[in-house]
Amino acid sequence: MARRYHEREELATAELGVSLEDLRGEPLELLVREGARLLLTVALEEEVTEFLGRRRYERGSGKGYRNGHRERRVTCSSGEMAIAVPRVADTAESFCSSLLGAWQRRSRLVEEVLPLLYVEGLSTRDFRRALAPLWGKSGLSRSSISRANQALREAFEAWRRRDLSGEELMYLFLDGFYLGVRQASREKEGVLVVHGIDRQGKRVVLHLSLGGRESTEAWKAVLHDLVERGLRSPGLVISDGNPGLLRALSEVWPEVPRQRCVVHRMRNVLARVPKRWHGEVKRALHRIFYAESLEEAKAAAGRFMAQFGKGFPTACELLEKHLAECLAFYRFPEVHWKHIRTTNALERAFREVRRRTDVIGRFPNEMAALEVIFGVLEGARLKWHRVTVEPEHTAEIDKAARSLDEEPIWVELGKAASG
């Protein structure tokens, strides 16, 4: 068993240009970029094999022969990479890759199919079908698929267990969505995702797991995993109002201030209002959550209660409940407000996950689902813009976190409260 493992690692190292050990603990951009490079390298070698009618080192009919490689640089969402394109000599017709045309500088197909590399447990036939848009008719050999799968599976496993003690997070986002995962069941399962914004303004994905129905115990397991891997408590946690998640946070990180997603709160309020009133109520809610200051937001909340309290008491009662946690972002640097008052970045990524996974349907097992979801989320994360962080913002964030503990936000609804 150990010998076969080392043989697989040597094959992966030869094609990746880096060892599996080199990938462990590295930024996810490296994992995605090197995975794309492996994918393209294997594909080009398969194209040459089909063109010549024989594999490397095999004797043939004299149609031509391999003549080294030339470097070609292409880009994907994770950055530029160098590809070793095979040379072919002594042939009646020149070899031209259908994957990387003479003037093709960017392969959109790589970005489209890269998440599917993370599938574990698919058969060779299923893998070929999933990657058919990229490979065309040439296909992949069983050994090539096995090597690509093994290298990326082990890199993904290393990512799931990587040390987080070096991460310094300003903001931590927690959210979940439901997805049909297992072939033997029609039930949808909760997919629990954690990502954050570090002190350089960069977004990082930290955790991905299945969590049943988003229970307290499922979310506590997520938080304990982060703590055990060395993650220090962030300045602010942003989430929706899932009861299990909130209870888990209060038990594991009771000292960390929380921001409730204002988009989720507005949806919940509007769900308790007749549709013909949605436009007016939504505008009034925007005046609360998109005000220019905390004081203006408090005043707008008071006006909302005065205007709609009699007609829509249930909606107003819901707005009042936990309103302080919906306004917590106002204590933090203003330049960050648009990034931390909602979990929208994850919501958009979840839509992309559903779009991609609909093509696959149910997965053969739990890990297959997680690996594909990871690939899609990572592809989405690489497209998110970096958050602006100036030196003074770090002190502001620390001060804001302390102030929410020492002097919580107080909103006296029905009046234009001050302070």
Protein backbone atom coordinates (compact mmCIF):
# COMPACT_ATOMS: atom_id res chain seq x y z
CA MET A 1 0.00 0.00 0.00
CA ALA A 2 2.76 2.46 0.93
CA ARG A 3 4.62 1.71 -2.31
CA ARG A 4 1.50 2.38 -4.43
CA TYR A 5 0.96 5.66 -2.59
CA HIS A 6 4.50 6.84 -3.28
CA GLU A 7 4.19 5.83 -6.93
CA ARG A 8 1.03 7.89 -7.26
CA GLU A 9 2.70 10.83 -5.53
CA GLU A 10 5.70 10.64 -7.88
CA LEU A 11 3.41 10.60 -10.92
CA ALA A 12 1.45 13.57 -9.59
CA THR A 13 4.65 15.44 -8.80
CA ALA A 14 5.98 14.88 -12.32
CA GLU A 15 2.85 16.31 -13.93
CA LEU A 16 2.07 19.03 -11.42
CA GLY A 17 5.62 20.32 -11.13
CA VAL A 18 5.13 20.50 -7.37
CA SER A 19 4.75 17.68 -4.84
CA LEU A 20 1.60 16.99 -2.89
CA GLU A 21 3.54 17.99 0.21
CA ASP A 22 4.24 21.36 -1.40
CA LEU A 23 0.50 21.92 -1.81
CA ARG A 24 -0.31 21.27 1.83
CA GLY A 25 -1.03 24.50 3.67
CA GLU A 26 -0.54 26.63 0.57
CA PRO A 27 -3.06 29.29 -0.49
CA LEU A 28 -6.07 27.94 -2.33
CA GLU A 29 -5.12 29.86 -5.47
CA LEU A 30 -2.15 27.50 -5.77
CA LEU A 31 -4.34 24.44 -5.42
CA VAL A 32 -6.72 25.66 -8.13
CA ARG A 33 -3.97 26.86 -10.46
CA GLU A 34 -1.89 23.72 -10.16
CA GLY A 35 -5.00 21.61 -10.56
CA ALA A 36 -5.78 23.42 -13.79
CA ARG A 37 -2.21 22.93 -14.96
CA LEU A 38 -2.40 19.21 -14.24
CA LEU A 39 -5.69 19.03 -16.12
CA LEU A 40 -4.28 20.75 -19.19
CA THR A 41 -1.01 18.82 -19.13
CA VAL A 42 -2.81 15.48 -19.07
CA ALA A 43 -5.19 16.62 -21.82
CA LEU A 44 -2.39 17.75 -24.13
CA GLU A 45 -0.53 14.47 -23.69
CA GLU A 46 -3.72 12.60 -24.53
CA GLU A 47 -4.18 14.70 -27.67
CA VAL A 48 -0.68 13.87 -28.85
CA THR A 49 -1.25 10.18 -28.11
CA GLU A 50 -4.36 10.21 -30.27
CA PHE A 51 -2.61 12.19 -33.03
CA LEU A 52 0.38 9.79 -33.22
CA GLY A 53 -1.63 6.65 -32.55
CA ARG A 54 0.63 5.51 -29.72
CA ARG A 55 1.63 6.41 -26.20
CA ARG A 56 4.97 7.72 -25.02
CA TYR A 57 7.84 5.24 -25.55
CA GLU A 58 5.66 2.92 -27.66
CA ARG A 59 6.85 1.91 -31.12
CA GLY A 60 4.59 2.85 -33.99
CA SER A 61 4.16 3.01 -37.74
CA GLY A 62 6.48 5.97 -38.24
CA LYS A 63 3.79 8.67 -38.45
CA GLY A 64 5.99 10.95 -36.37
CA TYR A 65 7.46 11.23 -32.92
CA ARG A 66 7.44 13.41 -29.82
CA ASN A 67 10.09 16.08 -29.79
CA GLY A 68 10.16 17.64 -26.34
CA HIS A 69 7.95 20.50 -25.18
CA ARG A 70 7.56 24.24 -25.52
CA GLU A 71 6.23 26.53 -22.82
CA ARG A 72 2.86 28.21 -23.34
CA ARG A 73 1.34 30.62 -20.83
CA VAL A 74 -2.42 30.65 -20.29
CA THR A 75 -4.61 32.16 -17.63
CA CYS A 76 -7.55 31.02 -15.57
CA SER A 77 -9.42 32.65 -12.70
CA SER A 78 -6.62 31.79 -10.25
CA GLY A 79 -3.86 33.44 -12.28
CA GLU A 80 -1.36 32.78 -15.06
CA MET A 81 0.28 29.39 -15.44
CA ALA A 82 2.95 27.86 -17.66
CA ILE A 83 1.89 24.83 -19.69
CA ALA A 84 4.34 22.39 -21.28
CA VAL A 85 2.90 21.88 -24.77
CA PRO A 86 4.23 18.72 -26.48
CA ARG A 87 6.19 19.12 -29.74
CA VAL A 88 5.68 16.64 -32.59
CA ALA A 89 8.21 16.18 -35.42
CA ASP A 90 8.51 14.32 -38.72
CA THR A 91 4.79 14.26 -39.57
CA ALA A 92 2.94 14.95 -42.79
CA GLU A 93 0.60 17.30 -40.99
CA SER A 94 1.49 19.57 -38.09
CA PHE A 95 0.06 18.92 -34.64
CA CYS A 96 -2.25 21.67 -33.40
CA SER A 97 -4.00 21.34 -30.07
CA SER A 98 -7.76 21.76 -30.26
CA LEU A 99 -7.69 22.79 -26.60
CA LEU A 100 -5.16 25.60 -26.91
CA GLY A 101 -5.53 27.12 -30.36
CA ALA A 102 -2.75 29.18 -31.93
CA TRP A 103 -4.21 32.47 -30.71
CA GLN A 104 -6.05 31.30 -27.61
CA ARG A 105 -4.70 33.06 -24.54
CA ARG A 106 -7.48 32.26 -22.11
CA SER A 107 -9.44 29.04 -21.70
CA ARG A 108 -12.91 29.69 -20.30
CA LEU A 109 -13.50 25.96 -20.43
CA VAL A 110 -10.89 25.45 -17.73
CA GLU A 111 -12.86 27.68 -15.37
CA GLU A 112 -16.12 25.98 -16.24
CA VAL A 113 -15.02 22.40 -15.59
CA LEU A 114 -12.32 22.85 -12.94
CA PRO A 115 -14.70 22.30 -9.98
CA LEU A 116 -15.53 18.88 -11.38
CA LEU A 117 -11.95 17.80 -10.73
CA TYR A 118 -12.83 17.60 -7.07
CA VAL A 119 -15.32 14.80 -7.57
CA GLU A 120 -14.31 11.67 -5.67
CA GLY A 121 -15.94 8.34 -6.41
CA LEU A 122 -17.16 9.00 -9.95
CA SER A 123 -16.41 6.22 -12.40
CA THR A 124 -14.02 6.72 -15.30
CA ARG A 125 -17.01 6.87 -17.63
CA ASP A 126 -18.75 9.52 -15.49
CA PHE A 127 -15.55 11.54 -15.22
CA ARG A 128 -15.14 11.52 -19.01
CA ARG A 129 -18.72 12.63 -19.52
CA ALA A 130 -18.39 15.44 -16.98
CA LEU A 131 -15.26 16.74 -18.69
CA ALA A 132 -16.45 16.14 -22.25
CA PRO A 133 -16.71 19.88 -23.10
CA LEU A 134 -12.99 20.23 -22.38
CA TRP A 135 -11.58 17.03 -23.82
CA GLY A 136 -13.69 16.68 -26.95
CA LYS A 137 -13.43 13.23 -28.53
CA SER A 138 -10.00 12.32 -27.26
CA GLY A 139 -11.09 11.51 -23.71
CA LEU A 140 -8.81 10.49 -20.87
CA SER A 141 -7.27 7.18 -19.99
CA ARG A 142 -8.24 5.47 -16.74
CA SER A 143 -4.74 5.95 -15.33
CA SER A 144 -4.73 9.66 -16.19
CA ILE A 145 -8.05 10.17 -14.43
CA SER A 146 -6.83 8.20 -11.43
CA ARG A 147 -3.67 10.31 -11.12
CA ALA A 148 -5.53 13.61 -11.43
CA ASN A 149 -8.20 12.50 -8.98
CA GLN A 150 -5.69 11.24 -6.41
CA ALA A 151 -3.49 14.35 -6.49
CA LEU A 152 -6.38 16.77 -6.11
CA ARG A 153 -8.22 14.65 -3.56
CA GLU A 154 -5.20 14.63 -1.29
CA ALA A 155 -4.66 18.35 -1.74
CA PHE A 156 -8.31 18.97 -0.84
CA GLU A 157 -7.97 16.81 2.26
CA ALA A 158 -4.88 18.78 3.26
CA TRP A 159 -6.86 22.02 2.87
CA ARG A 160 -9.61 20.75 5.15
CA ARG A 161 -7.05 20.05 7.89
CA ARG A 162 -4.68 22.95 7.41
CA ASP A 163 -3.45 25.03 10.34
CA LEU A 164 -5.40 28.29 10.82
CA SER A 165 -3.24 29.84 13.53
CA GLY A 166 -1.67 32.20 10.99
CA GLU A 167 -5.03 33.65 9.90
CA GLU A 168 -5.92 37.05 11.37
CA LEU A 169 -9.56 37.68 10.57
CA MET A 170 -11.43 40.94 10.95
CA TYR A 171 -14.79 39.50 9.90
CA LEU A 172 -16.14 35.95 9.83
CA PHE A 173 -19.16 34.92 7.75
CA LEU A 174 -21.19 31.79 8.51
CA ASP A 175 -24.04 30.56 6.35
CA GLY A 176 -25.65 27.40 5.07
CA PHE A 177 -27.77 26.23 2.17
CA TYR A 178 -29.56 23.03 1.26
CA LEU A 179 -28.58 20.66 -1.51
CA GLY A 180 -29.52 17.19 -2.68
CA VAL A 181 -26.37 15.21 -1.97
CA ARG A 182 -26.80 11.44 -1.74
CA GLN A 183 -27.95 9.17 -4.54
CA ALA A 184 -29.94 6.95 -2.20
CA SER A 185 -32.00 9.80 -0.73
CA ARG A 186 -34.29 12.57 -1.94
CA GLU A 187 -33.71 14.58 1.22
CA LYS A 188 -31.70 17.79 1.00
CA GLU A 189 -28.90 18.35 3.49
CA GLY A 190 -27.46 21.51 4.97
CA VAL A 191 -24.07 22.57 3.59
CA LEU A 192 -22.25 24.68 6.20
CA VAL A 193 -19.75 27.23 4.92
CA VAL A 194 -17.39 29.60 6.73
CA HIS A 195 -15.32 32.29 5.07
CA GLY A 196 -13.67 35.44 6.33
CA ILE A 197 -11.95 38.71 5.52
CA ASP A 198 -8.43 38.97 6.90
CA ARG A 199 -6.52 42.07 7.98
CA GLN A 200 -5.14 42.53 4.45
CA GLY A 201 -8.68 42.64 3.05
CA LYS A 202 -8.42 39.25 1.40
CA ARG A 203 -11.28 36.75 1.52
CA VAL A 204 -10.46 33.19 2.61
CA VAL A 205 -12.62 30.05 2.70
CA LEU A 206 -12.07 28.29 6.03
CA HIS A 207 -14.55 25.46 6.41
CA LEU A 208 -16.99 23.35 4.42
CA SER A 209 -19.04 20.44 5.74
CA LEU A 210 -22.47 18.83 5.75
CA GLY A 211 -24.65 19.71 8.72
CA GLY A 212 -28.02 17.97 8.46
CA ARG A 213 -30.66 20.57 9.28
CA GLU A 214 -28.24 23.26 10.58
CA SER A 215 -28.66 22.16 14.18
CA THR A 216 -26.86 23.66 17.14
CA GLU A 217 -24.63 20.59 17.41
CA ALA A 218 -23.74 20.75 13.71
CA TRP A 219 -22.70 24.40 13.97
CA LYS A 220 -20.85 23.79 17.23
CA ALA A 221 -18.84 21.11 15.45
CA VAL A 222 -17.93 23.66 12.77
CA LEU A 223 -16.83 26.26 15.31
CA HIS A 224 -14.87 23.73 17.36
CA ASP A 225 -13.10 22.59 14.19
CA LEU A 226 -11.99 26.18 13.51
CA VAL A 227 -10.80 26.67 17.09
CA GLU A 228 -8.96 23.34 17.20
CA ARG A 229 -7.10 24.26 14.01
CA GLY A 230 -5.91 27.45 15.68
CA LEU A 231 -8.31 30.14 14.45
CA ARG A 232 -8.46 33.10 16.80
CA SER A 233 -11.77 34.85 17.45
CA PRO A 234 -12.62 37.51 14.82
CA GLY A 235 -13.73 41.09 15.36
CA LEU A 236 -17.27 40.46 14.13
CA VAL A 237 -19.34 37.42 13.07
CA ILE A 238 -21.91 37.90 10.29
CA SER A 239 -24.73 35.39 9.88
CA ASP A 240 -28.45 34.98 9.34
CA GLY A 241 -30.84 34.31 12.22
CA ASN A 242 -30.68 30.51 12.20
CA PRO A 243 -31.43 29.50 15.82
CA GLY A 244 -28.99 26.58 15.85
CA LEU A 245 -26.17 28.76 14.57
CA LEU A 246 -26.89 31.56 17.07
CA ARG A 247 -26.94 29.14 20.02
CA ALA A 248 -23.67 27.59 18.86
CA LEU A 249 -22.04 31.03 18.62
CA SER A 250 -23.22 32.00 22.11
CA GLU A 251 -21.65 28.83 23.53
CA VAL A 252 -18.35 28.81 21.64
CA TRP A 253 -17.66 32.53 21.09
CA PRO A 254 -19.89 34.40 23.56
CA GLU A 255 -17.51 37.39 23.61
CA VAL A 256 -17.58 37.99 19.83
CA PRO A 257 -20.13 40.59 18.63
CA ARG A 258 -22.64 39.48 16.01
CA GLN A 259 -24.11 41.12 12.94
CA ARG A 260 -27.34 39.72 11.56
CA CYS A 261 -27.71 39.81 7.79
CA VAL A 262 -29.98 42.77 7.01
CA VAL A 263 -31.14 41.22 3.73
CA HIS A 264 -32.50 38.18 5.57
CA ARG A 265 -34.19 40.46 8.10
CA MET A 266 -35.83 42.57 5.39
CA ARG A 267 -37.13 39.43 3.65
CA ASN A 268 -38.62 38.19 6.92
CA VAL A 269 -40.34 41.52 7.59
CA LEU A 270 -41.72 41.76 4.04
CA ALA A 271 -43.09 38.22 4.32
CA ARG A 272 -45.47 39.58 6.98
CA VAL A 273 -46.72 42.46 4.84
CA PRO A 274 -49.30 42.33 1.99
CA LYS A 275 -47.61 42.40 -1.43
CA ARG A 276 -49.17 45.71 -2.45
CA TRP A 277 -47.30 47.35 0.46
CA HIS A 278 -43.93 45.77 -0.30
CA GLY A 279 -42.52 48.73 -2.23
CA GLU A 280 -43.26 51.29 0.48
CA VAL A 281 -42.18 49.05 3.37
CA LYS A 282 -38.99 48.07 1.58
CA ARG A 283 -38.04 51.71 1.03
CA ALA A 284 -38.61 52.40 4.73
CA LEU A 285 -36.43 49.41 5.67
CA HIS A 286 -33.67 50.66 3.35
CA ARG A 287 -33.69 53.97 5.21
CA ILE A 288 -32.84 52.02 8.37
CA PHE A 289 -30.16 49.66 7.07
CA TYR A 290 -28.58 51.95 4.48
CA ALA A 291 -28.52 55.17 6.50
CA GLU A 292 -25.45 57.39 6.70
CA SER A 293 -24.98 56.86 10.45
CA LEU A 294 -26.20 54.82 13.40
CA GLU A 295 -28.15 57.80 14.71
CA GLU A 296 -30.00 58.18 11.40
CA ALA A 297 -30.73 54.45 11.35
CA LYS A 298 -32.22 54.60 14.86
CA ALA A 299 -34.39 57.55 13.89
CA ALA A 300 -35.56 55.76 10.73
CA ALA A 301 -36.47 52.70 12.81
CA GLY A 302 -38.58 54.89 15.08
CA ARG A 303 -40.38 56.40 12.09
CA PHE A 304 -40.96 52.90 10.67
CA MET A 305 -42.76 51.86 13.88
CA ALA A 306 -44.84 55.03 13.94
CA GLN A 307 -45.87 54.58 10.28
CA PHE A 308 -46.54 50.82 10.18
CA GLY A 309 -47.05 49.79 13.82
CA LYS A 310 -50.82 49.87 13.72
CA GLY A 311 -51.28 48.32 10.26
CA PHE A 312 -48.59 45.62 10.42
CA PRO A 313 -47.89 44.88 14.09
CA THR A 314 -46.41 41.41 13.43
CA ALA A 315 -43.91 42.82 10.93
CA CYS A 316 -42.95 45.61 13.34
CA GLU A 317 -42.54 43.17 16.22
CA LEU A 318 -40.18 41.08 14.09
CA LEU A 319 -38.17 44.17 13.10
CA GLU A 320 -37.82 45.24 16.72
CA LYS A 321 -36.60 41.81 17.81
CA HIS A 322 -32.78 41.67 17.63
CA LEU A 323 -32.66 45.01 15.78
CA ALA A 324 -29.49 45.97 17.67
CA GLU A 325 -27.66 43.02 16.09
CA CYS A 326 -28.84 44.17 12.66
CA LEU A 327 -27.30 47.60 13.31
CA ALA A 328 -23.97 46.42 14.77
CA PHE A 329 -22.10 47.12 11.51
CA TYR A 330 -22.54 50.89 12.02
CA ARG A 331 -19.91 50.78 14.81
CA PHE A 332 -17.26 49.52 12.36
CA PRO A 333 -15.32 51.46 9.68
CA GLU A 334 -17.76 52.99 7.20
CA VAL A 335 -15.76 51.74 4.21
CA HIS A 336 -16.59 48.18 5.32
CA TRP A 337 -20.35 48.63 5.83
CA LYS A 338 -21.36 47.33 2.41
CA HIS A 339 -19.27 44.19 2.96
CA ILE A 340 -20.42 43.25 6.46
CA ARG A 341 -24.11 44.09 6.78
CA THR A 342 -25.14 41.05 4.71
CA THR A 343 -24.00 37.55 3.80
CA ASN A 344 -24.61 38.35 0.11
CA ALA A 345 -21.20 37.17 -1.09
CA LEU A 346 -22.02 33.66 0.06
CA GLU A 347 -25.59 33.87 -1.26
CA ARG A 348 -24.31 34.58 -4.78
CA ALA A 349 -21.78 31.76 -4.50
CA PHE A 350 -24.55 29.37 -3.39
CA ARG A 351 -26.54 30.16 -6.53
CA GLU A 352 -23.49 29.28 -8.61
CA VAL A 353 -23.08 26.02 -6.68
CA ARG A 354 -26.68 25.05 -7.43
CA ARG A 355 -26.26 25.90 -11.11
CA ARG A 356 -23.17 23.71 -11.42
CA THR A 357 -24.40 20.81 -9.29
CA ASP A 358 -27.71 20.62 -11.15
CA VAL A 359 -25.69 19.29 -14.08
CA ILE A 360 -24.33 16.43 -11.96
CA GLY A 361 -27.45 15.56 -9.96
CA ARG A 362 -27.03 13.41 -6.88
CA PHE A 363 -23.50 12.53 -5.79
CA PRO A 364 -22.12 9.05 -5.12
CA ASN A 365 -21.05 9.99 -1.60
CA GLU A 366 -20.59 12.85 0.86
CA MET A 367 -16.99 13.66 -0.07
CA ALA A 368 -17.83 13.87 -3.76
CA ALA A 369 -20.40 16.55 -2.99
CA LEU A 370 -18.07 18.54 -0.73
CA GLU A 371 -15.23 18.49 -3.24
CA VAL A 372 -17.40 19.84 -6.07
CA ILE A 373 -18.93 22.50 -3.80
CA PHE A 374 -15.46 23.50 -2.66
CA GLY A 375 -14.30 23.88 -6.24
CA VAL A 376 -17.24 26.12 -7.13
CA LEU A 377 -16.96 28.25 -3.97
CA GLU A 378 -13.23 28.69 -4.49
CA GLY A 379 -13.80 29.75 -8.09
CA ALA A 380 -16.35 32.30 -6.89
CA ARG A 381 -14.07 33.56 -4.10
CA LEU A 382 -11.26 34.28 -6.53
CA LYS A 383 -13.57 36.73 -8.32
CA TRP A 384 -14.52 38.65 -5.15
CA HIS A 385 -12.90 42.04 -4.81
CA ARG A 386 -10.39 42.64 -2.04
CA VAL A 387 -11.72 44.80 0.81
CA THR A 388 -9.94 48.08 1.46
CA VAL A 389 -8.05 47.96 4.76
CA GLU A 390 -6.02 50.95 5.93
CA PRO A 391 -3.72 50.82 9.00
CA GLU A 392 -6.21 52.79 11.11
CA HIS A 393 -9.03 50.35 10.38
CA THR A 394 -7.53 47.63 12.57
CA ALA A 395 -7.71 49.86 15.64
CA GLU A 396 -11.26 50.93 14.72
CA ILE A 397 -12.40 47.32 14.46
CA ASP A 398 -10.88 46.40 17.83
CA LYS A 399 -12.52 49.46 19.39
CA ALA A 400 -15.88 48.66 17.81
CA ALA A 401 -15.81 45.08 19.10
CA ARG A 402 -15.08 46.31 22.63
CA SER A 403 -17.76 49.00 22.47
CA LEU A 404 -20.48 46.53 21.49
CA ASP A 405 -19.61 44.52 24.59
CA GLU A 406 -19.27 47.46 26.98
CA GLU A 407 -21.93 49.75 25.50
CA PRO A 408 -24.48 47.74 23.46
CA ILE A 409 -26.60 49.49 20.86
CA TRP A 410 -29.92 50.58 22.33
CA VAL A 411 -32.87 51.44 20.11
CA GLU A 412 -36.05 52.87 21.67
CA LEU A 413 -38.56 52.34 18.92
CA GLY A 414 -41.45 54.71 18.54
CA LYS A 415 -39.10 57.66 19.10
CA ALA A 416 -36.23 59.19 17.16
CA ALA A 417 -33.66 57.97 19.66
CA SER A 418 -30.25 59.61 19.82
CA GLY A 419 -26.76 58.38 20.69
